[in-house]
Amino acid sequence: SDTTDGGLLSFRFTSSGTAASVWNGRDFTLG
């Protein structure tokens, strides 16, 4: 659980096998 005051949720996905990551609120596309 986490608390929020409102606004963007704070989370990101990372992989131990690559340097890739994706953040909530960062611009990204299907590709």
PDB file of all heavy atoms in Angstrom:
ATOM      1  N   SER A   1       0.824  -1.205   0.000  1.00  0.00           N
ATOM      2  CA  SER A   1       0.000   0.000   0.000  1.00  0.00           C
ATOM      3  C   SER A   1       0.857   1.254   0.000  1.00  0.00           C
ATOM      4  O   SER A   1       2.010   1.255   0.431  1.00  0.00           O
ATOM      5  CB  SER A   1      -0.932   0.012   1.218  1.00  0.00           C
ATOM      6  OG  SER A   1      -1.831  -1.075   1.172  1.00  0.00           O
ATOM      7  N   ASP A   2       0.267   2.326  -0.477  1.00  0.00           N
ATOM      8  CA  ASP A   2       0.917   3.619  -0.547  1.00  0.00           C
ATOM      9  C   ASP A   2      -0.168   4.677  -0.392  1.00  0.00           C
ATOM     10  O   ASP A   2      -1.357   4.386  -0.551  1.00  0.00           O
ATOM     11  CB  ASP A   2       1.637   3.765  -1.896  1.00  0.00           C
ATOM     12  CG  ASP A   2       2.611   4.935  -1.937  1.00  0.00           C
ATOM     13  OD1 ASP A   2       2.931   5.466  -0.860  1.00  0.00           O
ATOM     14  OD2 ASP A   2       3.035   5.314  -3.038  1.00  0.00           O
ATOM     15  N   THR A   3       0.220   5.885  -0.064  1.00  0.00           N
ATOM     16  CA  THR A   3      -0.734   6.990   0.016  1.00  0.00           C
ATOM     17  C   THR A   3      -0.411   8.018  -1.055  1.00  0.00           C
ATOM     18  O   THR A   3       0.713   8.081  -1.563  1.00  0.00           O
ATOM     19  CB  THR A   3      -0.695   7.672   1.397  1.00  0.00           C
ATOM     20  OG1 THR A   3       0.644   8.144   1.653  1.00  0.00           O
ATOM     21  CG2 THR A   3      -1.108   6.698   2.484  1.00  0.00           C
ATOM     22  N   THR A   4      -1.416   8.791  -1.416  1.00  0.00           N
ATOM     23  CA  THR A   4      -1.227   9.819  -2.425  1.00  0.00           C
ATOM     24  C   THR A   4      -2.021  11.061  -2.044  1.00  0.00           C
ATOM     25  O   THR A   4      -3.087  10.966  -1.427  1.00  0.00           O
ATOM     26  CB  THR A   4      -1.673   9.328  -3.819  1.00  0.00           C
ATOM     27  OG1 THR A   4      -1.545  10.381  -4.780  1.00  0.00           O
ATOM     28  CG2 THR A   4      -3.130   8.874  -3.803  1.00  0.00           C
ATOM     29  N   ASP A   5      -1.504  12.210  -2.408  1.00  0.00           N
ATOM     30  CA  ASP A   5      -2.231  13.467  -2.256  1.00  0.00           C
ATOM     31  C   ASP A   5      -2.991  13.815  -3.528  1.00  0.00           C
ATOM     32  O   ASP A   5      -3.617  14.872  -3.616  1.00  0.00           O
ATOM     33  CB  ASP A   5      -1.263  14.604  -1.916  1.00  0.00           C
ATOM     34  CG  ASP A   5      -0.630  14.435  -0.544  1.00  0.00           C
ATOM     35  OD1 ASP A   5      -1.321  13.912   0.356  1.00  0.00           O
ATOM     36  OD2 ASP A   5       0.546  14.814  -0.378  1.00  0.00           O
ATOM     37  N   GLY A   6      -2.913  12.932  -4.505  1.00  0.00           N
ATOM     38  CA  GLY A   6      -3.502  13.188  -5.817  1.00  0.00           C
ATOM     39  C   GLY A   6      -2.409  13.402  -6.850  1.00  0.00           C
ATOM     40  O   GLY A   6      -1.251  13.656  -6.512  1.00  0.00           O
ATOM     41  N   GLY A   7      -2.750  13.271  -8.109  1.00  0.00           N
ATOM     42  CA  GLY A   7      -1.773  13.438  -9.173  1.00  0.00           C
ATOM     43  C   GLY A   7      -1.300  12.093  -9.702  1.00  0.00           C
ATOM     44  O   GLY A   7      -1.899  11.042  -9.438  1.00  0.00           O
ATOM     45  N   LEU A   8      -0.211  12.106 -10.471  1.00  0.00           N
ATOM     46  CA  LEU A   8       0.299  10.891 -11.096  1.00  0.00           C
ATOM     47  C   LEU A   8       0.693   9.852 -10.055  1.00  0.00           C
ATOM     48  O   LEU A   8       1.319  10.179  -9.045  1.00  0.00           O
ATOM     49  CB  LEU A   8       1.507  11.213 -11.972  1.00  0.00           C
ATOM     50  CG  LEU A   8       1.239  11.959 -13.281  1.00  0.00           C
ATOM     51  CD1 LEU A   8       2.555  12.345 -13.946  1.00  0.00           C
ATOM     52  CD2 LEU A   8       0.406  11.095 -14.229  1.00  0.00           C
ATOM     53  N   LEU A   9       0.340   8.594 -10.307  1.00  0.00           N
ATOM     54  CA  LEU A   9       0.794   7.517  -9.449  1.00  0.00           C
ATOM     55  C   LEU A   9       2.288   7.302  -9.675  1.00  0.00           C
ATOM     56  O   LEU A   9       2.781   7.436 -10.796  1.00  0.00           O
ATOM     57  CB  LEU A   9       0.038   6.226  -9.764  1.00  0.00           C
ATOM     58  CG  LEU A   9      -1.312   6.028  -9.059  1.00  0.00           C
ATOM     59  CD1 LEU A   9      -2.285   7.144  -9.375  1.00  0.00           C
ATOM     60  CD2 LEU A   9      -1.910   4.675  -9.421  1.00  0.00           C
ATOM     61  N   SER A  10       2.984   6.969  -8.598  1.00  0.00           N
ATOM     62  CA  SER A  10       4.428   6.828  -8.673  1.00  0.00           C
ATOM     63  C   SER A  10       4.813   5.361  -8.844  1.00  0.00           C
ATOM     64  O   SER A  10       4.840   4.601  -7.875  1.00  0.00           O
ATOM     65  CB  SER A  10       5.077   7.394  -7.398  1.00  0.00           C
ATOM     66  OG  SER A  10       6.461   7.119  -7.365  1.00  0.00           O
ATOM     67  N   PHE A  11       5.060   4.940 -10.077  1.00  0.00           N
ATOM     68  CA  PHE A  11       5.554   3.583 -10.297  1.00  0.00           C
ATOM     69  C   PHE A  11       6.354   3.522 -11.590  1.00  0.00           C
ATOM     70  O   PHE A  11       6.197   4.340 -12.482  1.00  0.00           O
ATOM     71  CB  PHE A  11       4.421   2.546 -10.307  1.00  0.00           C
ATOM     72  CG  PHE A  11       3.444   2.674 -11.446  1.00  0.00           C
ATOM     73  CD1 PHE A  11       3.721   2.144 -12.702  1.00  0.00           C
ATOM     74  CD2 PHE A  11       2.220   3.302 -11.256  1.00  0.00           C
ATOM     75  CE1 PHE A  11       2.808   2.235 -13.745  1.00  0.00           C
ATOM     76  CE2 PHE A  11       1.303   3.406 -12.292  1.00  0.00           C
ATOM     77  CZ  PHE A  11       1.595   2.868 -13.532  1.00  0.00           C
ATOM     78  N   ARG A  12       7.229   2.509 -11.667  1.00  0.00           N
ATOM     79  CA  ARG A  12       8.008   2.263 -12.867  1.00  0.00           C
ATOM     80  C   ARG A  12       8.298   0.773 -12.992  1.00  0.00           C
ATOM     81  O   ARG A  12       8.395   0.046 -11.998  1.00  0.00           O
ATOM     82  CB  ARG A  12       9.332   3.013 -12.848  1.00  0.00           C
ATOM     83  CG  ARG A  12      10.261   2.587 -11.735  1.00  0.00           C
ATOM     84  CD  ARG A  12      11.648   3.170 -11.869  1.00  0.00           C
ATOM     85  NE  ARG A  12      12.493   2.761 -10.756  1.00  0.00           N
ATOM     86  CZ  ARG A  12      13.819   2.716 -10.815  1.00  0.00           C
ATOM     87  NH1 ARG A  12      14.444   3.081 -11.911  1.00  0.00           N
ATOM     88  NH2 ARG A  12      14.513   2.332  -9.765  1.00  0.00           N
ATOM     89  N   PHE A  13       8.421   0.318 -14.212  1.00  0.00           N
ATOM     90  CA  PHE A  13       8.817  -1.054 -14.483  1.00  0.00           C
ATOM     91  C   PHE A  13      10.282  -1.070 -14.893  1.00  0.00           C
ATOM     92  O   PHE A  13      10.718  -0.207 -15.661  1.00  0.00           O
ATOM     93  CB  PHE A  13       7.987  -1.642 -15.622  1.00  0.00           C
ATOM     94  CG  PHE A  13       6.566  -1.956 -15.265  1.00  0.00           C
ATOM     95  CD1 PHE A  13       5.547  -1.086 -15.601  1.00  0.00           C
ATOM     96  CD2 PHE A  13       6.244  -3.138 -14.618  1.00  0.00           C
ATOM     97  CE1 PHE A  13       4.231  -1.382 -15.291  1.00  0.00           C
ATOM     98  CE2 PHE A  13       4.928  -3.442 -14.302  1.00  0.00           C
ATOM     99  CZ  PHE A  13       3.917  -2.562 -14.646  1.00  0.00           C
ATOM    100  N   THR A  14      11.028  -2.049 -14.389  1.00  0.00           N
ATOM    101  CA  THR A  14      12.412  -2.246 -14.802  1.00  0.00           C
ATOM    102  C   THR A  14      12.645  -3.726 -15.061  1.00  0.00           C
ATOM    103  O   THR A  14      11.872  -4.585 -14.606  1.00  0.00           O
ATOM    104  CB  THR A  14      13.409  -1.765 -13.732  1.00  0.00           C
ATOM    105  OG1 THR A  14      13.202  -2.516 -12.535  1.00  0.00           O
ATOM    106  CG2 THR A  14      13.232  -0.276 -13.456  1.00  0.00           C
ATOM    107  N   SER A  15      13.704  -4.020 -15.792  1.00  0.00           N
ATOM    108  CA  SER A  15      14.070  -5.400 -16.090  1.00  0.00           C
ATOM    109  C   SER A  15      15.509  -5.646 -15.663  1.00  0.00           C
ATOM    110  O   SER A  15      16.388  -4.827 -15.932  1.00  0.00           O
ATOM    111  CB  SER A  15      13.922  -5.680 -17.593  1.00  0.00           C
ATOM    112  OG  SER A  15      14.520  -6.919 -17.924  1.00  0.00           O
ATOM    113  N   SER A  16      15.753  -6.783 -15.026  1.00  0.00           N
ATOM    114  CA  SER A  16      17.110  -7.114 -14.630  1.00  0.00           C
ATOM    115  C   SER A  16      17.934  -7.604 -15.820  1.00  0.00           C
ATOM    116  O   SER A  16      19.151  -7.686 -15.741  1.00  0.00           O
ATOM    117  CB  SER A  16      17.096  -8.194 -13.545  1.00  0.00           C
ATOM    118  OG  SER A  16      16.568  -9.401 -14.071  1.00  0.00           O
ATOM    119  N   GLY A  17      17.281  -7.932 -16.912  1.00  0.00           N
ATOM    120  CA  GLY A  17      17.980  -8.444 -18.076  1.00  0.00           C
ATOM    121  C   GLY A  17      18.378  -7.398 -19.087  1.00  0.00           C
ATOM    122  O   GLY A  17      19.224  -7.647 -19.951  1.00  0.00           O
ATOM    123  N   THR A  18      17.783  -6.214 -19.012  1.00  0.00           N
ATOM    124  CA  THR A  18      18.100  -5.128 -19.938  1.00  0.00           C
ATOM    125  C   THR A  18      18.175  -3.831 -19.151  1.00  0.00           C
ATOM    126  O   THR A  18      17.856  -3.770 -17.974  1.00  0.00           O
ATOM    127  CB  THR A  18      17.025  -4.980 -21.033  1.00  0.00           C
ATOM    128  OG1 THR A  18      15.817  -4.490 -20.427  1.00  0.00           O
ATOM    129  CG2 THR A  18      16.732  -6.312 -21.713  1.00  0.00           C
ATOM    130  N   ALA A  19      18.580  -2.789 -19.840  1.00  0.00           N
ATOM    131  CA  ALA A  19      18.638  -1.469 -19.204  1.00  0.00           C
ATOM    132  C   ALA A  19      17.326  -0.708 -19.385  1.00  0.00           C
ATOM    133  O   ALA A  19      17.231   0.454 -19.003  1.00  0.00           O
ATOM    134  CB  ALA A  19      19.796  -0.658 -19.793  1.00  0.00           C
ATOM    135  N   ALA A  20      16.345  -1.353 -19.963  1.00  0.00           N
ATOM    136  CA  ALA A  20      15.087  -0.671 -20.261  1.00  0.00           C
ATOM    137  C   ALA A  20      14.269  -0.443 -19.000  1.00  0.00           C
ATOM    138  O   ALA A  20      14.352  -1.195 -18.029  1.00  0.00           O
ATOM    139  CB  ALA A  20      14.279  -1.488 -21.261  1.00  0.00           C
ATOM    140  N   SER A  21      13.490   0.615 -19.015  1.00  0.00           N
ATOM    141  CA  SER A  21      12.530   0.883 -17.943  1.00  0.00           C
ATOM    142  C   SER A  21      11.417   1.748 -18.519  1.00  0.00           C
ATOM    143  O   SER A  21      11.591   2.388 -19.556  1.00  0.00           O
ATOM    144  CB  SER A  21      13.195   1.599 -16.758  1.00  0.00           C
ATOM    145  OG  SER A  21      13.674   2.864 -17.131  1.00  0.00           O
ATOM    146  N   VAL A  22      10.293   1.743 -17.874  1.00  0.00           N
ATOM    147  CA  VAL A  22       9.183   2.587 -18.301  1.00  0.00           C
ATOM    148  C   VAL A  22       8.498   3.121 -17.053  1.00  0.00           C
ATOM    149  O   VAL A  22       8.229   2.388 -16.105  1.00  0.00           O
ATOM    150  CB  VAL A  22       8.197   1.815 -19.210  1.00  0.00           C
ATOM    151  CG1 VAL A  22       7.591   0.614 -18.508  1.00  0.00           C
ATOM    152  CG2 VAL A  22       7.094   2.749 -19.718  1.00  0.00           C
ATOM    153  N   TRP A  23       8.260   4.427 -17.050  1.00  0.00           N
ATOM    154  CA  TRP A  23       7.678   5.136 -15.905  1.00  0.00           C
ATOM    155  C   TRP A  23       6.244   5.555 -16.210  1.00  0.00           C
ATOM    156  O   TRP A  23       5.917   5.908 -17.334  1.00  0.00           O
ATOM    157  CB  TRP A  23       8.473   6.405 -15.600  1.00  0.00           C
ATOM    158  CG  TRP A  23       9.871   6.202 -15.145  1.00  0.00           C
ATOM    159  CD1 TRP A  23      10.931   5.772 -15.900  1.00  0.00           C
ATOM    160  CD2 TRP A  23      10.385   6.434 -13.838  1.00  0.00           C
ATOM    161  NE1 TRP A  23      12.075   5.723 -15.157  1.00  0.00           N
ATOM    162  CE2 TRP A  23      11.767   6.129 -13.868  1.00  0.00           C
ATOM    163  CE3 TRP A  23       9.824   6.872 -12.638  1.00  0.00           C
ATOM    164  CZ2 TRP A  23      12.590   6.241 -12.752  1.00  0.00           C
ATOM    165  CZ3 TRP A  23      10.637   6.988 -11.533  1.00  0.00           C
ATOM    166  CH2 TRP A  23      12.005   6.680 -11.589  1.00  0.00           C
ATOM    167  N   ASN A  24       5.447   5.559 -15.185  1.00  0.00           N
ATOM    168  CA  ASN A  24       4.134   6.182 -15.307  1.00  0.00           C
ATOM    169  C   ASN A  24       4.308   7.687 -15.463  1.00  0.00           C
ATOM    170  O   ASN A  24       5.006   8.324 -14.673  1.00  0.00           O
ATOM    171  CB  ASN A  24       3.296   5.899 -14.063  1.00  0.00           C
ATOM    172  CG  ASN A  24       1.878   6.425 -14.190  1.00  0.00           C
ATOM    173  OD1 ASN A  24       1.195   6.169 -15.166  1.00  0.00           O
ATOM    174  ND2 ASN A  24       1.431   7.164 -13.189  1.00  0.00           N
ATOM    175  N   GLY A  25       3.714   8.253 -16.484  1.00  0.00           N
ATOM    176  CA  GLY A  25       3.815   9.692 -16.711  1.00  0.00           C
ATOM    177  C   GLY A  25       4.883  10.083 -17.708  1.00  0.00           C
ATOM    178  O   GLY A  25       4.946  11.245 -18.109  1.00  0.00           O
ATOM    179  N   ARG A  26       5.747   9.140 -18.107  1.00  0.00           N
ATOM    180  CA  ARG A  26       6.741   9.426 -19.136  1.00  0.00           C
ATOM    181  C   ARG A  26       6.172   9.059 -20.503  1.00  0.00           C
ATOM    182  O   ARG A  26       5.454   8.073 -20.655  1.00  0.00           O
ATOM    183  CB  ARG A  26       8.027   8.619 -18.879  1.00  0.00           C
ATOM    184  CG  ARG A  26       8.668   8.904 -17.513  1.00  0.00           C
ATOM    185  CD  ARG A  26       9.613  10.077 -17.571  1.00  0.00           C
ATOM    186  NE  ARG A  26      10.236  10.322 -16.266  1.00  0.00           N
ATOM    187  CZ  ARG A  26      11.422   9.839 -15.911  1.00  0.00           C
ATOM    188  NH1 ARG A  26      12.109   9.070 -16.753  1.00  0.00           N
ATOM    189  NH2 ARG A  26      11.932  10.118 -14.722  1.00  0.00           N
ATOM    190  N   ASP A  27       6.550   9.812 -21.521  1.00  0.00           N
ATOM    191  CA  ASP A  27       6.054   9.574 -22.870  1.00  0.00           C
ATOM    192  C   ASP A  27       6.602   8.252 -23.414  1.00  0.00           C
ATOM    193  O   ASP A  27       7.806   8.016 -23.397  1.00  0.00           O
ATOM    194  CB  ASP A  27       6.476  10.740 -23.773  1.00  0.00           C
ATOM    195  CG  ASP A  27       5.866  10.652 -25.156  1.00  0.00           C
ATOM    196  OD1 ASP A  27       4.875   9.911 -25.312  1.00  0.00           O
ATOM    197  OD2 ASP A  27       6.377  11.311 -26.069  1.00  0.00           O
ATOM    198  N   PHE A  28       5.743   7.361 -23.882  1.00  0.00           N
ATOM    199  CA  PHE A  28       6.180   6.132 -24.538  1.00  0.00           C
ATOM    200  C   PHE A  28       5.106   5.684 -25.517  1.00  0.00           C
ATOM    201  O   PHE A  28       3.953   6.123 -25.443  1.00  0.00           O
ATOM    202  CB  PHE A  28       6.495   5.021 -23.533  1.00  0.00           C
ATOM    203  CG  PHE A  28       5.296   4.492 -22.776  1.00  0.00           C
ATOM    204  CD1 PHE A  28       4.599   3.392 -23.241  1.00  0.00           C
ATOM    205  CD2 PHE A  28       4.874   5.079 -21.599  1.00  0.00           C
ATOM    206  CE1 PHE A  28       3.498   2.899 -22.559  1.00  0.00           C
ATOM    207  CE2 PHE A  28       3.784   4.598 -20.900  1.00  0.00           C
ATOM    208  CZ  PHE A  28       3.090   3.500 -21.383  1.00  0.00           C
ATOM    209  N   THR A  29       5.498   4.816 -26.458  1.00  0.00           N
ATOM    210  CA  THR A  29       4.582   4.334 -27.487  1.00  0.00           C
ATOM    211  C   THR A  29       4.548   2.812 -27.479  1.00  0.00           C
ATOM    212  O   THR A  29       5.333   2.147 -26.794  1.00  0.00           O
ATOM    213  CB  THR A  29       5.013   4.816 -28.889  1.00  0.00           C
ATOM    214  OG1 THR A  29       6.285   4.215 -29.212  1.00  0.00           O
ATOM    215  CG2 THR A  29       5.143   6.329 -28.930  1.00  0.00           C
ATOM    216  N   LEU A  30       3.654   2.246 -28.268  1.00  0.00           N
ATOM    217  CA  LEU A  30       3.476   0.801 -28.335  1.00  0.00           C
ATOM    218  C   LEU A  30       4.753   0.096 -28.771  1.00  0.00           C
ATOM    219  O   LEU A  30       4.997  -1.053 -28.406  1.00  0.00           O
ATOM    220  CB  LEU A  30       2.334   0.465 -29.296  1.00  0.00           C
ATOM    221  CG  LEU A  30       1.885  -0.997 -29.367  1.00  0.00           C
ATOM    222  CD1 LEU A  30       1.371  -1.482 -28.024  1.00  0.00           C
ATOM    223  CD2 LEU A  30       0.827  -1.165 -30.448  1.00  0.00           C
ATOM    224  N   GLY A  31       5.611   0.766 -29.547  1.00  0.00           N
ATOM    225  CA  GLY A  31       6.827   0.155 -30.044  1.00  0.00           C
ATOM    226  C   GLY A  31       8.025   0.317 -29.142  1.00  0.00           C
ATOM    227  O   GLY A  31       9.150   0.009 -29.543  1.00  0.00           O
TER     228      GLY A  31
END
